[in-house]
Protein backbone atom coordinates (compact mmCIF):
# COMPACT_ATOMS: atom_id res chain seq x y z
CA UNK A 1 246.42 175.86 96.70
CA UNK A 2 247.49 178.92 98.68
CA UNK A 3 245.40 179.87 101.67
CA UNK A 4 243.25 182.95 101.13
CA UNK A 5 241.71 183.66 104.51
CA UNK A 6 239.19 186.51 104.41
CA UNK A 7 239.69 189.67 106.45
CA UNK A 8 236.69 191.58 107.78
CA UNK A 9 236.23 194.86 109.65
CA UNK A 10 233.41 195.37 112.12
CA UNK A 11 233.22 199.07 111.23
CA UNK A 12 232.39 198.43 107.58
CA UNK A 13 228.86 198.52 106.21
CA UNK A 14 227.35 195.08 105.87
CA UNK A 15 229.64 193.49 108.47
CA UNK A 16 226.82 191.72 110.34
CA UNK A 17 225.49 190.23 107.13
CA UNK A 18 229.00 189.09 106.18
CA UNK A 19 229.52 187.54 109.60
CA UNK A 20 226.22 185.66 109.61
CA UNK A 21 226.87 184.40 106.09
CA UNK A 22 230.24 183.13 107.28
CA UNK A 23 228.69 181.40 110.30
CA UNK A 24 225.81 179.86 108.37
CA UNK A 25 226.04 176.11 108.34
CA UNK A 26 223.27 173.63 107.79
CA UNK A 27 224.19 170.00 107.58
CA UNK A 28 222.97 168.82 104.23
CA UNK A 29 220.65 165.87 104.32
CA UNK A 30 221.74 163.28 101.79
CA UNK A 31 218.64 161.44 100.60
CA UNK A 32 220.65 158.33 99.76
CA UNK A 33 222.16 158.22 103.26
CA UNK A 34 218.78 158.82 104.90
CA UNK A 35 217.20 156.02 102.88
CA UNK A 36 220.03 153.60 103.58
CA UNK A 37 220.02 154.38 107.29
CA UNK A 38 216.25 154.00 107.51
CA UNK A 39 216.46 150.58 105.87
CA UNK A 40 219.28 149.45 108.16
CA UNK A 41 217.47 150.57 111.31
CA UNK A 42 214.28 148.80 110.27
CA UNK A 43 216.19 145.64 109.37
CA UNK A 44 218.07 145.48 112.67
CA UNK A 45 214.86 146.15 114.58
CA UNK A 46 213.21 143.24 112.74
CA UNK A 47 216.02 140.69 112.39
CA UNK A 48 218.29 141.59 115.30
CA UNK A 49 221.63 139.79 115.42
CA UNK A 50 221.32 138.39 111.91
CA UNK A 51 221.12 141.90 110.43
CA UNK A 52 223.95 143.24 112.64
CA UNK A 53 226.15 140.33 111.53
CA UNK A 54 225.32 140.81 107.85
CA UNK A 55 225.96 144.57 107.78
CA UNK A 56 229.12 144.41 109.87
CA UNK A 57 230.64 141.68 107.69
CA UNK A 58 229.80 143.71 104.59
CA UNK A 59 230.83 147.19 105.67
CA UNK A 60 233.85 146.30 107.80
CA UNK A 61 235.09 143.59 105.43
CA UNK A 62 235.22 140.86 108.07
CA UNK A 63 233.94 137.29 108.01
CA UNK A 64 232.46 136.61 111.43
CA UNK A 65 230.11 133.64 111.78
CA UNK A 66 228.26 134.94 114.82
CA UNK A 67 227.79 138.29 116.58
CA UNK A 68 229.47 136.80 119.63
CA UNK A 69 232.72 137.19 117.71
CA UNK A 70 232.35 140.98 118.00
CA UNK A 71 232.45 140.98 121.81
CA UNK A 72 235.86 141.74 123.29
CA UNK A 73 236.71 140.29 126.73
CA UNK A 74 237.95 142.59 129.48
CA UNK A 75 241.22 140.68 129.40
CA UNK A 76 241.87 141.96 125.87
CA UNK A 77 241.28 145.54 126.98
CA UNK A 78 243.70 145.13 129.89
CA UNK A 79 246.24 143.47 127.58
CA UNK A 80 246.03 146.45 125.21
CA UNK A 81 246.67 148.80 128.14
CA UNK A 82 249.63 146.79 129.37
CA UNK A 83 251.19 146.58 125.91
CA UNK A 84 251.18 150.32 125.24
CA UNK A 85 254.51 152.15 125.34
CA UNK A 86 255.04 153.66 128.78
CA UNK A 87 254.64 157.24 127.56
CA UNK A 88 251.30 156.52 125.89
CA UNK A 89 249.98 154.56 128.84
CA UNK A 90 250.98 157.28 131.31
CA UNK A 91 249.45 159.99 129.11
CA UNK A 92 246.14 158.11 128.94
CA UNK A 93 246.12 157.50 132.68
CA UNK A 94 246.98 161.13 133.48
CA UNK A 95 244.27 162.43 131.17
CA UNK A 96 241.74 159.98 132.61
CA UNK A 97 242.50 161.00 136.17
CA UNK A 98 242.15 164.69 135.38
CA UNK A 99 238.86 164.10 133.53
CA UNK A 100 237.58 162.04 136.46
CA UNK A 101 238.51 164.66 139.07
CA UNK A 102 236.73 167.40 137.12
CA UNK A 103 233.56 165.38 136.60
CA UNK A 104 233.45 164.23 140.23
CA UNK A 105 232.91 167.89 141.09
CA UNK A 106 229.91 167.97 138.76
CA UNK A 107 228.41 165.04 140.61
CA UNK A 108 228.76 166.83 143.94
CA UNK A 109 226.73 169.72 142.56
CA UNK A 110 223.93 167.47 141.31
CA UNK A 111 222.62 166.07 144.59
CA UNK A 112 218.86 165.96 144.98
CA UNK A 113 216.96 168.01 147.55
CA UNK A 114 213.84 167.96 149.69
CA UNK A 115 212.11 170.53 151.84
CA UNK A 116 209.21 170.26 154.27
CA UNK A 117 206.40 172.78 154.35
CA UNK A 118 204.66 173.93 157.51
CA UNK A 119 201.77 171.49 157.07
CA UNK A 120 204.14 168.51 156.73
CA UNK A 121 204.09 168.21 152.93
CA UNK A 122 207.48 167.11 151.61
CA UNK A 123 208.57 168.21 148.15
CA UNK A 124 211.85 167.60 146.40
CA UNK A 125 213.89 166.09 143.65
CA UNK A 126 215.80 162.83 143.40
CA UNK A 127 218.73 162.40 141.04
CA UNK A 128 219.43 158.91 139.72
CA UNK A 129 221.79 157.56 137.05
CA UNK A 130 220.72 156.00 133.79
CA UNK A 131 220.86 152.22 133.89
CA UNK A 132 222.71 151.58 130.63
CA UNK A 133 224.37 153.84 128.04
CA UNK A 134 225.93 153.20 124.67
CA UNK A 135 229.10 154.94 123.53
CA UNK A 136 229.84 155.15 119.84
CA UNK A 137 233.56 155.40 119.02
CA UNK A 138 234.74 155.90 115.42
CA UNK A 139 237.06 153.26 114.02
CA UNK A 140 239.56 153.01 111.20
CA UNK A 141 241.57 156.17 110.51
CA UNK A 142 239.34 158.29 112.79
CA UNK A 143 240.15 156.52 116.06
CA UNK A 144 240.04 158.77 119.10
CA UNK A 145 240.95 157.29 122.49
CA UNK A 146 240.40 160.73 124.01
CA UNK A 147 236.72 160.49 123.04
CA UNK A 148 236.46 157.18 124.89
CA UNK A 149 237.64 158.90 128.07
CA UNK A 150 235.44 161.97 127.59
CA UNK A 151 232.27 159.93 127.03
CA UNK A 152 232.76 156.98 129.38
CA UNK A 153 234.21 158.64 132.47
CA UNK A 154 231.29 161.06 133.09
CA UNK A 155 228.90 158.13 132.70
CA UNK A 156 230.85 156.10 135.24
CA UNK A 157 231.07 159.04 137.66
CA UNK A 158 227.29 159.52 137.30
CA UNK A 159 226.79 155.97 138.52
CA UNK A 160 225.86 154.25 135.25
CA UNK A 161 226.42 150.53 135.87
CA UNK A 162 226.43 149.28 132.28
CA UNK A 163 228.54 151.18 129.72
CA UNK A 164 228.46 149.51 126.31
CA UNK A 165 231.00 150.73 123.75
CA UNK A 166 230.64 150.02 120.05
CA UNK A 167 233.60 150.58 117.75
CA UNK A 168 233.97 149.42 114.14
CA UNK A 169 237.15 147.54 113.24
CA UNK A 170 237.46 147.69 109.43
CA UNK A 171 239.35 144.68 108.08
CA UNK A 172 239.49 143.40 111.66
CA UNK A 173 242.10 145.97 112.73
CA UNK A 174 241.67 147.08 116.37
CA UNK A 175 243.12 150.35 117.66
CA UNK A 176 245.02 149.42 120.80
CA UNK A 177 244.88 152.89 122.35
CA UNK A 178 241.09 152.89 122.01
CA UNK A 179 240.90 149.51 123.78
CA UNK A 180 243.32 150.71 126.46
CA UNK A 181 241.23 153.84 127.01
CA UNK A 182 238.15 151.65 127.44
CA UNK A 183 239.97 149.67 130.13
CA UNK A 184 240.96 152.85 131.99
CA UNK A 185 237.52 154.47 131.67
CA UNK A 186 235.58 151.53 133.10
CA UNK A 187 233.71 150.47 129.96
CA UNK A 188 231.84 147.28 130.84
CA UNK A 189 231.41 145.85 127.36
CA UNK A 190 233.08 146.46 123.99
CA UNK A 191 231.45 145.27 120.77
CA UNK A 192 233.33 145.68 117.48
CA UNK A 193 230.45 146.88 115.35
CA UNK A 194 229.83 150.32 113.88
CA UNK A 195 227.70 152.37 111.55
CA UNK A 196 223.93 152.67 111.57
CA UNK A 197 223.61 148.99 112.49
CA UNK A 198 225.46 149.61 115.76
CA UNK A 199 223.21 152.55 116.61
CA UNK A 200 220.16 150.41 115.83
CA UNK A 201 221.41 147.54 117.99
CA UNK A 202 221.97 149.92 120.92
CA UNK A 203 218.61 151.63 120.48
CA UNK A 204 216.37 148.61 119.90
CA UNK A 205 218.40 145.76 121.38
CA UNK A 206 218.98 142.36 119.79
CA UNK A 207 219.02 138.79 121.07
CA UNK A 208 222.41 139.41 122.70
CA UNK A 209 222.86 143.20 122.75
CA UNK A 210 220.69 144.91 125.35
CA UNK A 211 218.93 148.17 124.48
CA UNK A 212 220.47 151.22 126.15
CA UNK A 213 218.87 154.35 127.57
CA UNK A 214 221.11 156.86 125.80
CA UNK A 215 223.65 156.88 122.95
CA UNK A 216 226.58 159.30 122.97
CA UNK A 217 229.68 159.78 120.88
CA UNK A 218 230.69 161.06 117.43
CA UNK A 219 230.38 159.28 114.10
CA UNK A 220 230.12 159.74 110.36
CA UNK A 221 227.07 160.89 108.38
CA UNK A 222 225.42 157.46 108.68
CA UNK A 223 225.87 157.43 112.46
CA UNK A 224 224.55 160.99 112.78
CA UNK A 225 221.50 160.15 110.65
CA UNK A 226 220.85 157.03 112.71
CA UNK A 227 221.10 158.94 116.00
CA UNK A 228 218.60 161.51 114.75
CA UNK A 229 216.15 158.75 113.83
CA UNK A 230 216.36 156.79 117.09
CA UNK A 231 216.02 159.87 119.30
CA UNK A 232 212.87 159.37 121.31
CA UNK A 233 213.39 155.64 121.57
CA UNK A 234 216.63 156.50 123.36
CA UNK A 235 218.29 159.73 124.39
CA UNK A 236 221.25 161.11 122.46
CA UNK A 237 223.92 163.63 123.39
CA UNK A 238 223.81 165.90 120.34
CA UNK A 239 224.24 165.99 116.58
CA UNK A 240 227.58 167.75 116.36
CA UNK A 241 228.52 170.02 113.50
CA UNK A 242 232.02 170.90 112.28
CA UNK A 243 234.62 171.87 114.87
CA UNK A 244 235.07 175.57 115.65
CA UNK A 245 237.59 177.86 117.31
CA UNK A 246 237.20 181.57 118.00
CA UNK A 247 240.24 183.48 119.29
CA UNK A 248 239.85 186.84 121.02
CA UNK A 249 243.29 188.45 121.15
CA UNK A 250 244.45 191.85 122.35
CA UNK A 251 247.60 191.65 120.22
CA UNK A 252 250.02 190.64 122.98
CA UNK A 253 250.36 186.91 122.12
CA UNK A 254 253.02 185.52 119.79
CA UNK A 255 251.26 185.48 116.39
CA UNK A 256 252.72 182.04 115.64
CA UNK A 257 250.82 180.68 118.66
CA UNK A 258 247.51 182.10 117.44
CA UNK A 259 248.09 180.86 113.89
CA UNK A 260 248.74 177.35 115.19
CA UNK A 261 245.66 177.51 117.41
CA UNK A 262 243.59 178.34 114.32
CA UNK A 263 245.22 175.39 112.53
CA UNK A 264 244.35 173.08 115.42
CA UNK A 265 240.67 173.16 114.51
CA UNK A 266 241.02 173.78 110.78
CA UNK A 267 242.90 170.48 110.43
CA UNK A 268 239.85 168.51 111.58
CA UNK A 269 238.06 168.82 108.25
CA UNK A 270 237.34 171.22 105.42
CA UNK A 271 234.12 172.43 107.08
CA UNK A 272 235.80 173.36 110.38
CA UNK A 273 235.79 177.05 111.28
CA UNK A 274 238.62 179.18 112.71
CA UNK A 275 238.12 182.91 113.42
CA UNK A 276 240.27 185.60 115.03
CA UNK A 277 238.86 188.78 116.59
CA UNK A 278 241.38 191.51 117.37
CA UNK A 279 241.38 195.33 117.64
CA UNK A 280 244.95 195.66 116.29
CA UNK A 281 245.18 195.68 112.47
CA UNK A 282 248.95 195.35 112.56
CA UNK A 283 248.73 192.27 114.74
CA UNK A 284 246.17 190.70 112.42
CA UNK A 285 248.63 191.18 109.57
CA UNK A 286 251.32 189.43 111.61
CA UNK A 287 249.00 186.47 112.31
CA UNK A 288 248.23 186.24 108.60
CA UNK A 289 251.97 186.21 107.87
CA UNK A 290 252.41 183.42 110.43
CA UNK A 291 249.66 181.42 108.73
CA UNK A 292 251.47 181.57 105.40
CA UNK A 293 254.81 180.80 107.07
CA UNK A 294 253.70 177.82 109.16
CA UNK A 295 251.15 176.18 106.89
CA UNK A 296 253.53 174.41 104.44
CA UNK A 297 254.97 172.32 107.30
CA UNK A 298 251.57 170.98 108.37
CA UNK A 299 250.86 167.36 107.33
CA UNK A 300 247.19 168.29 106.87
CA UNK A 301 247.98 171.54 105.04
CA UNK A 302 245.43 170.86 102.31
CA UNK A 303 242.58 170.43 104.77
CA UNK A 304 243.66 173.51 106.75
CA UNK A 305 243.87 175.57 103.57
CA UNK A 306 240.36 174.65 102.47
CA UNK A 307 238.93 175.26 105.94
CA UNK A 308 240.55 178.68 106.35
CA UNK A 309 239.74 179.76 102.80
CA UNK A 310 236.10 178.67 102.87
CA UNK A 311 235.06 179.32 106.48
CA UNK A 312 237.90 181.13 108.27
CA UNK A 313 238.26 184.86 108.99
CA UNK A 314 240.54 187.44 110.56
CA UNK A 315 238.28 190.18 111.91
CA UNK A 316 239.33 193.68 112.95
CA UNK A 317 237.12 194.96 115.77
CA UNK A 318 236.87 198.36 117.46
CA UNK A 319 238.02 197.09 120.84
CA UNK A 320 237.91 194.04 123.10
CA UNK A 321 234.47 195.07 124.36
CA UNK A 322 233.11 194.70 120.86
CA UNK A 323 235.05 191.46 120.43
CA UNK A 324 233.15 190.03 123.40
CA UNK A 325 229.81 191.16 121.98
CA UNK A 326 230.61 189.52 118.64
CA UNK A 327 231.80 186.38 120.46
CA UNK A 328 228.42 186.11 122.17
CA UNK A 329 226.76 186.32 118.76
CA UNK A 330 229.02 183.62 117.34
CA UNK A 331 228.58 181.32 120.40
CA UNK A 332 231.57 179.22 119.39
CA UNK A 333 232.38 175.68 120.42
CA UNK A 334 235.90 176.68 121.58
CA UNK A 335 236.66 180.26 122.67
CA UNK A 336 240.22 181.32 123.42
CA UNK A 337 240.74 184.65 125.19
CA UNK A 338 244.42 185.30 124.55
CA UNK A 339 244.95 188.54 126.42
CA UNK A 340 246.80 190.14 129.31
CA UNK A 341 243.75 190.07 131.58
CA UNK A 342 241.57 187.26 130.23
CA UNK A 343 239.22 187.13 133.20
CA UNK A 344 238.16 190.72 132.56
CA UNK A 345 236.83 189.67 129.16
CA UNK A 346 235.59 186.24 130.23
CA UNK A 347 233.15 187.96 132.58
CA UNK A 348 231.46 189.45 129.52
CA UNK A 349 231.00 186.12 127.71
CA UNK A 350 227.60 184.44 127.93
CA UNK A 351 227.74 181.94 125.06
CA UNK A 352 230.62 179.52 124.47
CA UNK A 353 231.03 175.76 124.66
CA UNK A 354 234.34 176.09 126.49
CA UNK A 355 236.47 179.11 127.36
CA UNK A 356 240.26 178.95 127.35
CA UNK A 357 241.65 181.86 129.34
CA UNK A 358 245.14 183.25 128.84
CA UNK A 359 247.77 182.70 126.19
CA UNK A 360 248.97 179.40 127.67
CA UNK A 361 245.51 177.81 127.50
CA UNK A 362 245.63 176.32 124.03
CA UNK A 363 242.45 174.62 122.88
CA UNK A 364 244.36 171.40 122.22
CA UNK A 365 244.97 170.96 125.96
CA UNK A 366 241.22 170.85 126.45
CA UNK A 367 240.85 168.24 123.74
CA UNK A 368 242.98 165.77 125.66
CA UNK A 369 243.87 166.28 129.25
CA UNK A 370 242.79 169.43 131.11
CA UNK A 371 239.74 167.74 132.60
CA UNK A 372 236.60 169.51 131.30
CA UNK A 373 234.76 167.60 128.61
CA UNK A 374 235.67 168.07 124.96
CA UNK A 375 232.20 167.09 123.72
CA UNK A 376 230.82 170.58 123.13
CA UNK A 377 227.91 172.32 121.38
CA UNK A 378 228.67 173.56 117.85
CA UNK A 379 226.97 175.67 115.17
CA UNK A 380 225.87 178.40 117.63
CA UNK A 381 224.04 175.89 119.83
CA UNK A 382 226.17 177.05 122.79
CA UNK A 383 223.41 179.68 123.11
CA UNK A 384 221.24 176.97 124.65
CA UNK A 385 223.33 173.81 125.05
CA UNK A 386 226.12 172.69 127.38
CA UNK A 387 229.21 170.47 127.29
CA UNK A 388 228.70 166.76 127.88
CA UNK A 389 228.84 166.05 131.58
CA UNK A 390 227.73 163.91 134.48
CA UNK A 391 224.28 165.53 134.26
CA UNK A 392 223.80 163.94 130.81
CA UNK A 393 223.91 160.50 132.40
CA UNK A 394 221.54 161.30 135.23
CA UNK A 395 217.86 162.08 135.36
CA UNK A 396 215.71 163.84 137.88
CA UNK A 397 212.49 162.58 139.48
CA UNK A 398 210.19 164.93 141.36
CA UNK A 399 209.14 163.93 144.89
CA UNK A 400 205.67 164.87 146.21
CA UNK A 401 204.67 163.57 149.63
CA UNK A 402 201.53 165.57 150.43
CA UNK A 403 200.36 165.51 154.02
CA UNK A 404 196.70 165.25 154.98
CA UNK A 405 196.76 168.89 156.00
CA UNK A 406 198.48 169.87 152.77
CA UNK A 407 195.84 168.08 150.71
CA UNK A 408 193.13 170.29 152.21
CA UNK A 409 194.76 173.44 150.80
CA UNK A 410 196.24 172.07 147.58
CA UNK A 411 193.13 170.04 146.76
CA UNK A 412 190.98 173.15 146.54
CA UNK A 413 193.50 174.94 144.34
CA UNK A 414 193.92 171.95 142.04
CA UNK A 415 190.16 171.37 141.75
CA UNK A 416 189.53 175.00 140.83
CA UNK A 417 192.15 174.88 138.07
CA UNK A 418 190.99 171.46 136.84
CA UNK A 419 187.37 172.60 136.50
CA UNK A 420 188.66 175.61 134.59
CA UNK A 421 190.37 173.26 132.16
CA UNK A 422 187.31 171.05 131.82
CA UNK A 423 188.98 168.04 133.47
CA UNK A 424 186.39 166.85 135.97
CA UNK A 425 188.18 163.63 136.97
CA UNK A 426 191.23 165.65 137.93
CA UNK A 427 189.08 167.91 140.06
CA UNK A 428 187.17 165.08 141.74
CA UNK A 429 190.42 163.19 142.41
CA UNK A 430 191.68 166.18 144.40
CA UNK A 431 188.32 166.86 146.08
CA UNK A 432 187.95 163.30 147.37
CA UNK A 433 190.87 163.98 149.72
CA UNK A 434 189.14 166.97 151.28
CA UNK A 435 187.74 166.25 154.71
CA UNK A 436 184.43 167.88 153.83
CA UNK A 437 184.09 165.34 150.99
CA UNK A 438 184.90 162.28 153.08
């Protein structure tokens, strides 16, 4: 199947409707999946380890006799790290160090605060880490050691003491790079279970698996459905949609580079979205030619073709100013500004999961080793959501230390408002601290 990527023009009538139709994506809810997940969650909540063992043996085609068999010792993680080829081990360690350095800076910016008012009342905020988090890591063909680093390192930097990683191992096959990444990232426990039963075990706890405070990490439709259902019992990071890339280009970058950048997200899956915004019609034609030229050599050409045909676009805009305005409307997961003066245009961007400035900042570098987190908001949620970070593994507690003098002023204000709301106990609680009421 030849790729037939659509071309749009922002000056044409109906462009906004065309764009919003292109961006529209609602994850379909499969009733069979929802029913199956609901049953699994309820079963694990009721039967604990026995249910986890039964589902894992069935779905991962293993024959464990006890859930203890799914726990991997730290020595196995370290052995996996030591056994990696030097180049792979060094790449993992370099990426981990860069991710750690970036997220350490987030921690420095998240310190609590207090201030003292004239009457001695102290108000403030304390920031503390979550006690225990669960990290879901896909197994089988979709094994991503980079996701281990991106999810575990911010949690460790935040001060989380107990980081529990679950990863399915279909047919008992363990991905050694995933285990090595867990060793580097400071994961405290690895359990080789997956699917909805793993999410349930993390959310509710079993006889041997402690309940966590938050579950993060990507997974298939069953994992996503399970995370949606357990939210409220535990926190979750997000329900991620298909991967996205939006390239703003002024026409000065090698068109082969831009074509390959579009491929880099389109190869994820057929629902991924890759869009180019450019004011130069001739350059857009050259990028389209590069797409046709380079695509046949891609191992995942079929997936890329479907993605670009169904959800991709090459869009002619009036100028880079308009490109930025459209980019804010799209609010893409990944935004590349491939231009001579990228900062000039970056200053106009309000909504993007991550911005890659300049022609040498390919999105793929951010996926693996630049340092900022690659867990990003999708499906236009960058309008109100942020990348995964240290702040996702910390919580804030308000501090109120009201002095006797402060209570005399605040008590009157609180009582007045409480009476207005019809809450007499609230009002009396405040008034009892007033000296005139003593």
